[in-house]
Amino acid sequence: IVLLTKPEARENLQLIANYDEVAGAFADIARKHGVLFLDFNRIDLPLDSNRHFHDKEYLNPFGVRIFIPEFIRRLRAEGMLPPAGKTVSNMDREQP
């Protein structure tokens, strides 16, 4: 299980006065339940509000091409996905 915040356009993020409080509450919930929390609004992604968002709230295909590889990289770093080039079935057979 992963709890995450989706990337927001910077203009939208600035409109959420209590964003840090809300994100902190999500982080607390994740810690309490032992799950990973990824705040993609505090992770420095090279997303441009005009080029990578459909409507300032949702990523367009160009934004998705930036977001998804970073999401996968972070899941791999946490051991939640197999390394690139390995399948889950190959991981299950390997000895630690």
PDB file of N, CA and C in Angstrom:
ATOM      1  N   ILE A   1       0.852  -1.171   0.000  1.00  0.00           N
ATOM      2  CA  ILE A   1       0.000   0.000   0.000  1.00  0.00           C
ATOM      3  C   ILE A   1       0.895   1.230   0.000  1.00  0.00           C
ATOM      4  N   VAL A   2       0.536   2.184  -0.841  1.00  0.00           N
ATOM      5  CA  VAL A   2       1.252   3.456  -0.912  1.00  0.00           C
ATOM      6  C   VAL A   2       0.225   4.574  -0.812  1.00  0.00           C
ATOM      7  N   LEU A   3       0.488   5.519   0.050  1.00  0.00           N
ATOM      8  CA  LEU A   3      -0.331   6.725   0.151  1.00  0.00           C
ATOM      9  C   LEU A   3       0.455   7.831  -0.537  1.00  0.00           C
ATOM     10  N   LEU A   4      -0.197   8.534  -1.475  1.00  0.00           N
ATOM     11  CA  LEU A   4       0.529   9.579  -2.183  1.00  0.00           C
ATOM     12  C   LEU A   4      -0.363  10.767  -2.488  1.00  0.00           C
ATOM     13  N   THR A   5       0.285  11.882  -2.719  1.00  0.00           N
ATOM     14  CA  THR A   5      -0.397  13.056  -3.242  1.00  0.00           C
ATOM     15  C   THR A   5       0.015  13.182  -4.694  1.00  0.00           C
ATOM     16  N   LYS A   6      -0.953  13.420  -5.546  1.00  0.00           N
ATOM     17  CA  LYS A   6      -0.646  13.587  -6.965  1.00  0.00           C
ATOM     18  C   LYS A   6      -0.057  14.973  -7.184  1.00  0.00           C
ATOM     19  N   PRO A   7       0.764  15.123  -8.201  1.00  0.00           N
ATOM     20  CA  PRO A   7       1.311  16.450  -8.473  1.00  0.00           C
ATOM     21  C   PRO A   7       0.199  17.447  -8.821  1.00  0.00           C
ATOM     22  N   GLU A   8       0.312  18.616  -8.272  1.00  0.00           N
ATOM     23  CA  GLU A   8      -0.606  19.719  -8.573  1.00  0.00           C
ATOM     24  C   GLU A   8       0.186  20.810  -9.284  1.00  0.00           C
ATOM     25  N   ALA A   9      -0.472  21.548 -10.153  1.00  0.00           N
ATOM     26  CA  ALA A   9       0.168  22.719 -10.754  1.00  0.00           C
ATOM     27  C   ALA A   9       0.527  23.690  -9.629  1.00  0.00           C
ATOM     28  N   ARG A  10       1.655  24.348  -9.754  1.00  0.00           N
ATOM     29  CA  ARG A  10       2.123  25.247  -8.688  1.00  0.00           C
ATOM     30  C   ARG A  10       1.071  26.294  -8.318  1.00  0.00           C
ATOM     31  N   GLU A  11       0.351  26.790  -9.312  1.00  0.00           N
ATOM     32  CA  GLU A  11      -0.687  27.785  -9.031  1.00  0.00           C
ATOM     33  C   GLU A  11      -1.777  27.217  -8.132  1.00  0.00           C
ATOM     34  N   ASN A  12      -2.159  25.979  -8.369  1.00  0.00           N
ATOM     35  CA  ASN A  12      -3.175  25.340  -7.524  1.00  0.00           C
ATOM     36  C   ASN A  12      -2.639  25.090  -6.127  1.00  0.00           C
ATOM     37  N   LEU A  13      -1.413  24.649  -6.052  1.00  0.00           N
ATOM     38  CA  LEU A  13      -0.813  24.346  -4.753  1.00  0.00           C
ATOM     39  C   LEU A  13      -0.749  25.595  -3.878  1.00  0.00           C
ATOM     40  N   GLN A  14      -0.472  26.724  -4.482  1.00  0.00           N
ATOM     41  CA  GLN A  14      -0.400  27.974  -3.725  1.00  0.00           C
ATOM     42  C   GLN A  14      -1.758  28.393  -3.171  1.00  0.00           C
ATOM     43  N   LEU A  15      -2.831  27.888  -3.751  1.00  0.00           N
ATOM     44  CA  LEU A  15      -4.180  28.222  -3.282  1.00  0.00           C
ATOM     45  C   LEU A  15      -4.596  27.411  -2.055  1.00  0.00           C
ATOM     46  N   ILE A  16      -3.847  26.363  -1.751  1.00  0.00           N
ATOM     47  CA  ILE A  16      -4.177  25.505  -0.608  1.00  0.00           C
ATOM     48  C   ILE A  16      -3.362  26.006   0.583  1.00  0.00           C
ATOM     49  N   ALA A  17      -3.958  26.878   1.361  1.00  0.00           N
ATOM     50  CA  ALA A  17      -3.239  27.548   2.460  1.00  0.00           C
ATOM     51  C   ALA A  17      -2.699  26.567   3.493  1.00  0.00           C
ATOM     52  N   ASN A  18      -3.419  25.482   3.736  1.00  0.00           N
ATOM     53  CA  ASN A  18      -3.009  24.535   4.772  1.00  0.00           C
ATOM     54  C   ASN A  18      -2.426  23.249   4.176  1.00  0.00           C
ATOM     55  N   TYR A  19      -1.799  23.356   2.992  1.00  0.00           N
ATOM     56  CA  TYR A  19      -1.284  22.152   2.341  1.00  0.00           C
ATOM     57  C   TYR A  19      -0.308  21.390   3.235  1.00  0.00           C
ATOM     58  N   ASP A  20       0.617  22.094   3.860  1.00  0.00           N
ATOM     59  CA  ASP A  20       1.605  21.414   4.706  1.00  0.00           C
ATOM     60  C   ASP A  20       0.929  20.677   5.853  1.00  0.00           C
ATOM     61  N   GLU A  21      -0.108  21.249   6.411  1.00  0.00           N
ATOM     62  CA  GLU A  21      -0.855  20.599   7.493  1.00  0.00           C
ATOM     63  C   GLU A  21      -1.549  19.338   6.981  1.00  0.00           C
ATOM     64  N   VAL A  22      -2.177  19.431   5.826  1.00  0.00           N
ATOM     65  CA  VAL A  22      -2.868  18.276   5.246  1.00  0.00           C
ATOM     66  C   VAL A  22      -1.861  17.184   4.889  1.00  0.00           C
ATOM     67  N   ALA A  23      -0.766  17.561   4.223  1.00  0.00           N
ATOM     68  CA  ALA A  23       0.257  16.579   3.860  1.00  0.00           C
ATOM     69  C   ALA A  23       0.873  15.954   5.110  1.00  0.00           C
ATOM     70  N   GLY A  24       1.049  16.751   6.150  1.00  0.00           N
ATOM     71  CA  GLY A  24       1.559  16.219   7.414  1.00  0.00           C
ATOM     72  C   GLY A  24       0.616  15.203   8.027  1.00  0.00           C
ATOM     73  N   ALA A  25      -0.682  15.455   7.913  1.00  0.00           N
ATOM     74  CA  ALA A  25      -1.670  14.494   8.423  1.00  0.00           C
ATOM     75  C   ALA A  25      -1.595  13.188   7.642  1.00  0.00           C
ATOM     76  N   PHE A  26      -1.439  13.286   6.311  1.00  0.00           N
ATOM     77  CA  PHE A  26      -1.278  12.072   5.502  1.00  0.00           C
ATOM     78  C   PHE A  26      -0.016  11.319   5.905  1.00  0.00           C
ATOM     79  N   ALA A  27       1.068  12.042   6.131  1.00  0.00           N
ATOM     80  CA  ALA A  27       2.325  11.410   6.542  1.00  0.00           C
ATOM     81  C   ALA A  27       2.158  10.704   7.886  1.00  0.00           C
ATOM     82  N   ASP A  28       1.446  11.333   8.811  1.00  0.00           N
ATOM     83  CA  ASP A  28       1.193  10.714  10.119  1.00  0.00           C
ATOM     84  C   ASP A  28       0.384   9.434   9.974  1.00  0.00           C
ATOM     85  N   ILE A  29      -0.641   9.469   9.139  1.00  0.00           N
ATOM     86  CA  ILE A  29      -1.473   8.279   8.906  1.00  0.00           C
ATOM     87  C   ILE A  29      -0.623   7.163   8.310  1.00  0.00           C
ATOM     88  N   ALA A  30       0.213   7.502   7.336  1.00  0.00           N
ATOM     89  CA  ALA A  30       1.073   6.496   6.710  1.00  0.00           C
ATOM     90  C   ALA A  30       2.019   5.880   7.734  1.00  0.00           C
ATOM     91  N   ARG A  31       2.652   6.716   8.559  1.00  0.00           N
ATOM     92  CA  ARG A  31       3.556   6.199   9.603  1.00  0.00           C
ATOM     93  C   ARG A  31       2.807   5.288  10.565  1.00  0.00           C
ATOM     94  N   LYS A  32       1.632   5.717  10.986  1.00  0.00           N
ATOM     95  CA  LYS A  32       0.839   4.939  11.944  1.00  0.00           C
ATOM     96  C   LYS A  32       0.534   3.545  11.410  1.00  0.00           C
ATOM     97  N   HIS A  33       0.318   3.460  10.108  1.00  0.00           N
ATOM     98  CA  HIS A  33      -0.060   2.176   9.515  1.00  0.00           C
ATOM     99  C   HIS A  33       1.096   1.480   8.804  1.00  0.00           C
ATOM    100  N   GLY A  34       2.287   2.053   8.909  1.00  0.00           N
ATOM    101  CA  GLY A  34       3.469   1.416   8.334  1.00  0.00           C
ATOM    102  C   GLY A  34       3.467   1.357   6.817  1.00  0.00           C
ATOM    103  N   VAL A  35       2.913   2.387   6.179  1.00  0.00           N
ATOM    104  CA  VAL A  35       2.903   2.406   4.719  1.00  0.00           C
ATOM    105  C   VAL A  35       3.721   3.587   4.204  1.00  0.00           C
ATOM    106  N   LEU A  36       4.141   3.473   2.983  1.00  0.00           N
ATOM    107  CA  LEU A  36       4.932   4.512   2.339  1.00  0.00           C
ATOM    108  C   LEU A  36       4.048   5.701   1.982  1.00  0.00           C
ATOM    109  N   PHE A  37       4.535   6.902   2.255  1.00  0.00           N
ATOM    110  CA  PHE A  37       3.856   8.128   1.839  1.00  0.00           C
ATOM    111  C   PHE A  37       4.777   8.896   0.913  1.00  0.00           C
ATOM    112  N   LEU A  38       4.281   9.221  -0.267  1.00  0.00           N
ATOM    113  CA  LEU A  38       5.030  10.007  -1.240  1.00  0.00           C
ATOM    114  C   LEU A  38       4.254  11.283  -1.531  1.00  0.00           C
ATOM    115  N   ASP A  39       4.851  12.401  -1.223  1.00  0.00           N
ATOM    116  CA  ASP A  39       4.229  13.700  -1.483  1.00  0.00           C
ATOM    117  C   ASP A  39       4.849  14.260  -2.760  1.00  0.00           C
ATOM    118  N   PHE A  40       4.180  14.036  -3.874  1.00  0.00           N
ATOM    119  CA  PHE A  40       4.728  14.452  -5.161  1.00  0.00           C
ATOM    120  C   PHE A  40       4.643  15.953  -5.392  1.00  0.00           C
ATOM    121  N   ASN A  41       4.164  16.682  -4.411  1.00  0.00           N
ATOM    122  CA  ASN A  41       4.228  18.139  -4.486  1.00  0.00           C
ATOM    123  C   ASN A  41       5.454  18.671  -3.765  1.00  0.00           C
ATOM    124  N   ARG A  42       6.138  17.825  -3.037  1.00  0.00           N
ATOM    125  CA  ARG A  42       7.374  18.209  -2.356  1.00  0.00           C
ATOM    126  C   ARG A  42       8.580  17.506  -2.974  1.00  0.00           C
ATOM    127  N   ILE A  43       8.331  16.673  -3.965  1.00  0.00           N
ATOM    128  CA  ILE A  43       9.396  16.025  -4.727  1.00  0.00           C
ATOM    129  C   ILE A  43       9.627  16.906  -5.950  1.00  0.00           C
ATOM    130  N   ASP A  44      10.854  17.272  -6.189  1.00  0.00           N
ATOM    131  CA  ASP A  44      11.156  18.228  -7.258  1.00  0.00           C
ATOM    132  C   ASP A  44      11.061  17.567  -8.629  1.00  0.00           C
ATOM    133  N   LEU A  45       9.867  17.606  -9.212  1.00  0.00           N
ATOM    134  CA  LEU A  45       9.661  17.103 -10.567  1.00  0.00           C
ATOM    135  C   LEU A  45       9.661  18.295 -11.527  1.00  0.00           C
ATOM    136  N   PRO A  46      10.255  18.145 -12.700  1.00  0.00           N
ATOM    137  CA  PRO A  46      10.297  19.266 -13.649  1.00  0.00           C
ATOM    138  C   PRO A  46       8.976  19.427 -14.405  1.00  0.00           C
ATOM    139  N   LEU A  47       7.913  19.720 -13.668  1.00  0.00           N
ATOM    140  CA  LEU A  47       6.590  19.867 -14.275  1.00  0.00           C
ATOM    141  C   LEU A  47       6.256  21.341 -14.462  1.00  0.00           C
ATOM    142  N   ASP A  48       5.850  21.676 -15.648  1.00  0.00           N
ATOM    143  CA  ASP A  48       5.446  23.034 -15.985  1.00  0.00           C
ATOM    144  C   ASP A  48       3.918  23.082 -16.054  1.00  0.00           C
ATOM    145  N   SER A  49       3.330  24.059 -15.405  1.00  0.00           N
ATOM    146  CA  SER A  49       1.870  24.160 -15.331  1.00  0.00           C
ATOM    147  C   SER A  49       1.207  24.199 -16.700  1.00  0.00           C
ATOM    148  N   ASN A  50       1.828  24.841 -17.657  1.00  0.00           N
ATOM    149  CA  ASN A  50       1.219  24.966 -18.983  1.00  0.00           C
ATOM    150  C   ASN A  50       1.494  23.775 -19.892  1.00  0.00           C
ATOM    151  N   ARG A  51       2.674  23.190 -19.778  1.00  0.00           N
ATOM    152  CA  ARG A  51       3.042  22.095 -20.689  1.00  0.00           C
ATOM    153  C   ARG A  51       2.657  20.716 -20.189  1.00  0.00           C
ATOM    154  N   HIS A  52       2.557  20.519 -18.870  1.00  0.00           N
ATOM    155  CA  HIS A  52       2.404  19.166 -18.338  1.00  0.00           C
ATOM    156  C   HIS A  52       1.074  18.888 -17.645  1.00  0.00           C
ATOM    157  N   PHE A  53       0.212  19.870 -17.585  1.00  0.00           N
ATOM    158  CA  PHE A  53      -1.090  19.689 -16.936  1.00  0.00           C
ATOM    159  C   PHE A  53      -2.205  19.927 -17.942  1.00  0.00           C
ATOM    160  N   HIS A  54      -3.223  19.095 -17.837  1.00  0.00           N
ATOM    161  CA  HIS A  54      -4.390  19.221 -18.707  1.00  0.00           C
ATOM    162  C   HIS A  54      -5.196  20.461 -18.345  1.00  0.00           C
ATOM    163  N   ASP A  55      -5.395  20.673 -17.054  1.00  0.00           N
ATOM    164  CA  ASP A  55      -6.281  21.755 -16.602  1.00  0.00           C
ATOM    165  C   ASP A  55      -5.836  22.344 -15.270  1.00  0.00           C
ATOM    166  N   LYS A  56      -4.561  22.365 -15.016  1.00  0.00           N
ATOM    167  CA  LYS A  56      -3.966  22.872 -13.771  1.00  0.00           C
ATOM    168  C   LYS A  56      -4.177  21.926 -12.588  1.00  0.00           C
ATOM    169  N   GLU A  57      -4.941  20.870 -12.775  1.00  0.00           N
ATOM    170  CA  GLU A  57      -5.153  19.907 -11.692  1.00  0.00           C
ATOM    171  C   GLU A  57      -4.678  18.511 -12.068  1.00  0.00           C
ATOM    172  N   TYR A  58      -4.904  18.121 -13.301  1.00  0.00           N
ATOM    173  CA  TYR A  58      -4.570  16.763 -13.733  1.00  0.00           C
ATOM    174  C   TYR A  58      -3.472  16.796 -14.784  1.00  0.00           C
ATOM    175  N   LEU A  59      -2.532  15.865 -14.649  1.00  0.00           N
ATOM    176  CA  LEU A  59      -1.444  15.766 -15.616  1.00  0.00           C
ATOM    177  C   LEU A  59      -1.973  15.388 -16.995  1.00  0.00           C
ATOM    178  N   ASN A  60      -1.332  15.913 -18.024  1.00  0.00           N
ATOM    179  CA  ASN A  60      -1.624  15.475 -19.384  1.00  0.00           C
ATOM    180  C   ASN A  60      -0.620  14.367 -19.728  1.00  0.00           C
ATOM    181  N   PRO A  61      -0.688  13.783 -20.921  1.00  0.00           N
ATOM    182  CA  PRO A  61       0.247  12.698 -21.255  1.00  0.00           C
ATOM    183  C   PRO A  61       1.722  13.082 -21.114  1.00  0.00           C
ATOM    184  N   PHE A  62       2.059  14.345 -21.381  1.00  0.00           N
ATOM    185  CA  PHE A  62       3.451  14.775 -21.233  1.00  0.00           C
ATOM    186  C   PHE A  62       3.863  14.799 -19.756  1.00  0.00           C
ATOM    187  N   GLY A  63       2.962  15.218 -18.894  1.00  0.00           N
ATOM    188  CA  GLY A  63       3.231  15.210 -17.464  1.00  0.00           C
ATOM    189  C   GLY A  63       3.325  13.801 -16.908  1.00  0.00           C
ATOM    190  N   VAL A  64       2.471  12.925 -17.418  1.00  0.00           N
ATOM    191  CA  VAL A  64       2.492  11.522 -16.979  1.00  0.00           C
ATOM    192  C   VAL A  64       3.839  10.890 -17.313  1.00  0.00           C
ATOM    193  N   ARG A  65       4.417  11.268 -18.451  1.00  0.00           N
ATOM    194  CA  ARG A  65       5.720  10.711 -18.852  1.00  0.00           C
ATOM    195  C   ARG A  65       6.840  11.131 -17.906  1.00  0.00           C
ATOM    196  N   ILE A  66       6.641  12.187 -17.186  1.00  0.00           N
ATOM    197  CA  ILE A  66       7.614  12.613 -16.173  1.00  0.00           C
ATOM    198  C   ILE A  66       7.294  11.971 -14.828  1.00  0.00           C
ATOM    199  N   PHE A  67       6.020  11.950 -14.460  1.00  0.00           N
ATOM    200  CA  PHE A  67       5.592  11.464 -13.149  1.00  0.00           C
ATOM    201  C   PHE A  67       5.794   9.958 -12.980  1.00  0.00           C
ATOM    202  N   ILE A  68       5.315   9.163 -13.929  1.00  0.00           N
ATOM    203  CA  ILE A  68       5.326   7.701 -13.762  1.00  0.00           C
ATOM    204  C   ILE A  68       6.741   7.143 -13.584  1.00  0.00           C
ATOM    205  N   PRO A  69       7.730   7.520 -14.391  1.00  0.00           N
ATOM    206  CA  PRO A  69       9.074   6.980 -14.144  1.00  0.00           C
ATOM    207  C   PRO A  69       9.605   7.305 -12.748  1.00  0.00           C
ATOM    208  N   GLU A  70       9.302   8.493 -12.242  1.00  0.00           N
ATOM    209  CA  GLU A  70       9.757   8.848 -10.887  1.00  0.00           C
ATOM    210  C   GLU A  70       9.020   8.026  -9.839  1.00  0.00           C
ATOM    211  N   PHE A  71       7.731   7.810 -10.040  1.00  0.00           N
ATOM    212  CA  PHE A  71       6.947   6.974  -9.131  1.00  0.00           C
ATOM    213  C   PHE A  71       7.517   5.555  -9.111  1.00  0.00           C
ATOM    214  N   ILE A  72       7.782   5.002 -10.275  1.00  0.00           N
ATOM    215  CA  ILE A  72       8.352   3.650 -10.365  1.00  0.00           C
ATOM    216  C   ILE A  72       9.731   3.610  -9.712  1.00  0.00           C
ATOM    217  N   ARG A  73      10.555   4.629  -9.962  1.00  0.00           N
ATOM    218  CA  ARG A  73      11.894   4.666  -9.362  1.00  0.00           C
ATOM    219  C   ARG A  73      11.810   4.632  -7.844  1.00  0.00           C
ATOM    220  N   ARG A  74      10.889   5.383  -7.295  1.00  0.00           N
ATOM    221  CA  ARG A  74      10.751   5.426  -5.834  1.00  0.00           C
ATOM    222  C   ARG A  74      10.214   4.110  -5.280  1.00  0.00           C
ATOM    223  N   LEU A  75       9.283   3.475  -5.996  1.00  0.00           N
ATOM    224  CA  LEU A  75       8.795   2.165  -5.556  1.00  0.00           C
ATOM    225  C   LEU A  75       9.916   1.133  -5.601  1.00  0.00           C
ATOM    226  N   ARG A  76      10.743   1.179  -6.631  1.00  0.00           N
ATOM    227  CA  ARG A  76      11.891   0.267  -6.706  1.00  0.00           C
ATOM    228  C   ARG A  76      12.864   0.530  -5.571  1.00  0.00           C
ATOM    229  N   ALA A  77      13.113   1.788  -5.270  1.00  0.00           N
ATOM    230  CA  ALA A  77      14.040   2.141  -4.187  1.00  0.00           C
ATOM    231  C   ALA A  77      13.548   1.621  -2.846  1.00  0.00           C
ATOM    232  N   GLU A  78      12.250   1.519  -2.680  1.00  0.00           N
ATOM    233  CA  GLU A  78      11.661   1.005  -1.438  1.00  0.00           C
ATOM    234  C   GLU A  78      11.521  -0.516  -1.453  1.00  0.00           C
ATOM    235  N   GLY A  79      11.923  -1.166  -2.564  1.00  0.00           N
ATOM    236  CA  GLY A  79      11.805  -2.616  -2.676  1.00  0.00           C
ATOM    237  C   GLY A  79      10.390  -3.084  -2.950  1.00  0.00           C
ATOM    238  N   MET A  80       9.539  -2.178  -3.397  1.00  0.00           N
ATOM    239  CA  MET A  80       8.141  -2.526  -3.654  1.00  0.00           C
ATOM    240  C   MET A  80       7.921  -3.002  -5.086  1.00  0.00           C
ATOM    241  N   LEU A  81       8.903  -2.791  -5.949  1.00  0.00           N
ATOM    242  CA  LEU A  81       8.893  -3.293  -7.319  1.00  0.00           C
ATOM    243  C   LEU A  81      10.250  -3.920  -7.579  1.00  0.00           C
ATOM    244  N   PRO A  82      10.291  -4.905  -8.468  1.00  0.00           N
ATOM    245  CA  PRO A  82      11.590  -5.498  -8.786  1.00  0.00           C
ATOM    246  C   PRO A  82      12.471  -4.495  -9.518  1.00  0.00           C
ATOM    247  N   PRO A  83      13.792  -4.689  -9.426  1.00  0.00           N
ATOM    248  CA  PRO A  83      14.693  -3.820 -10.188  1.00  0.00           C
ATOM    249  C   PRO A  83      14.382  -3.914 -11.681  1.00  0.00           C
ATOM    250  N   ALA A  84      14.771  -2.907 -12.420  1.00  0.00           N
ATOM    251  CA  ALA A  84      14.556  -2.911 -13.870  1.00  0.00           C
ATOM    252  C   ALA A  84      15.160  -4.175 -14.466  1.00  0.00           C
ATOM    253  N   GLY A  85      14.433  -4.814 -15.356  1.00  0.00           N
ATOM    254  CA  GLY A  85      14.916  -6.023 -16.009  1.00  0.00           C
ATOM    255  C   GLY A  85      14.605  -7.305 -15.271  1.00  0.00           C
ATOM    256  N   LYS A  86      14.047  -7.211 -14.073  1.00  0.00           N
ATOM    257  CA  LYS A  86      13.686  -8.411 -13.319  1.00  0.00           C
ATOM    258  C   LYS A  86      12.177  -8.469 -13.182  1.00  0.00           C
ATOM    259  N   THR A  87      11.664  -9.673 -13.160  1.00  0.00           N
ATOM    260  CA  THR A  87      10.232  -9.844 -12.949  1.00  0.00           C
ATOM    261  C   THR A  87       9.987 -10.234 -11.507  1.00  0.00           C
ATOM    262  N   VAL A  88       8.765 -10.119 -11.078  1.00  0.00           N
ATOM    263  CA  VAL A  88       8.423 -10.499  -9.705  1.00  0.00           C
ATOM    264  C   VAL A  88       8.710 -11.970  -9.494  1.00  0.00           C
ATOM    265  N   SER A  89       8.402 -12.827 -10.470  1.00  0.00           N
ATOM    266  CA  SER A  89       8.644 -14.258 -10.296  1.00  0.00           C
ATOM    267  C   SER A  89      10.135 -14.544 -10.147  1.00  0.00           C
ATOM    268  N   ASN A  90      11.000 -13.805 -10.852  1.00  0.00           N
ATOM    269  CA  ASN A  90      12.446 -13.986 -10.687  1.00  0.00           C
ATOM    270  C   ASN A  90      12.900 -13.560  -9.299  1.00  0.00           C
ATOM    271  N   MET A  91      12.310 -12.525  -8.771  1.00  0.00           N
ATOM    272  CA  MET A  91      12.679 -12.060  -7.428  1.00  0.00           C
ATOM    273  C   MET A  91      12.317 -13.101  -6.384  1.00  0.00           C
ATOM    274  N   ASP A  92      11.171 -13.741  -6.557  1.00  0.00           N
ATOM    275  CA  ASP A  92      10.719 -14.721  -5.576  1.00  0.00           C
ATOM    276  C   ASP A  92      11.663 -15.913  -5.486  1.00  0.00           C
ATOM    277  N   ARG A  93      12.348 -16.244  -6.563  1.00  0.00           N
ATOM    278  CA  ARG A  93      13.221 -17.416  -6.571  1.00  0.00           C
ATOM    279  C   ARG A  93      14.623 -17.122  -6.074  1.00  0.00           C
ATOM    280  N   GLU A  94      14.991 -15.870  -6.049  1.00  0.00           N
ATOM    281  CA  GLU A  94      16.348 -15.520  -5.625  1.00  0.00           C
ATOM    282  C   GLU A  94      16.491 -15.641  -4.117  1.00  0.00           C
ATOM    283  N   GLN A  95      17.670 -16.028  -3.705  1.00  0.00           N
ATOM    284  CA  GLN A  95      17.970 -16.125  -2.286  1.00  0.00           C
ATOM    285  C   GLN A  95      18.465 -14.774  -1.795  1.00  0.00           C
ATOM    286  N   PRO A  96      18.133 -14.403  -0.566  1.00  0.00           N
ATOM    287  CA  PRO A  96      18.618 -13.117  -0.034  1.00  0.00           C
ATOM    288  C   PRO A  96      20.119 -13.099   0.143  1.00  0.00           C
TER     289      PRO A  96
END
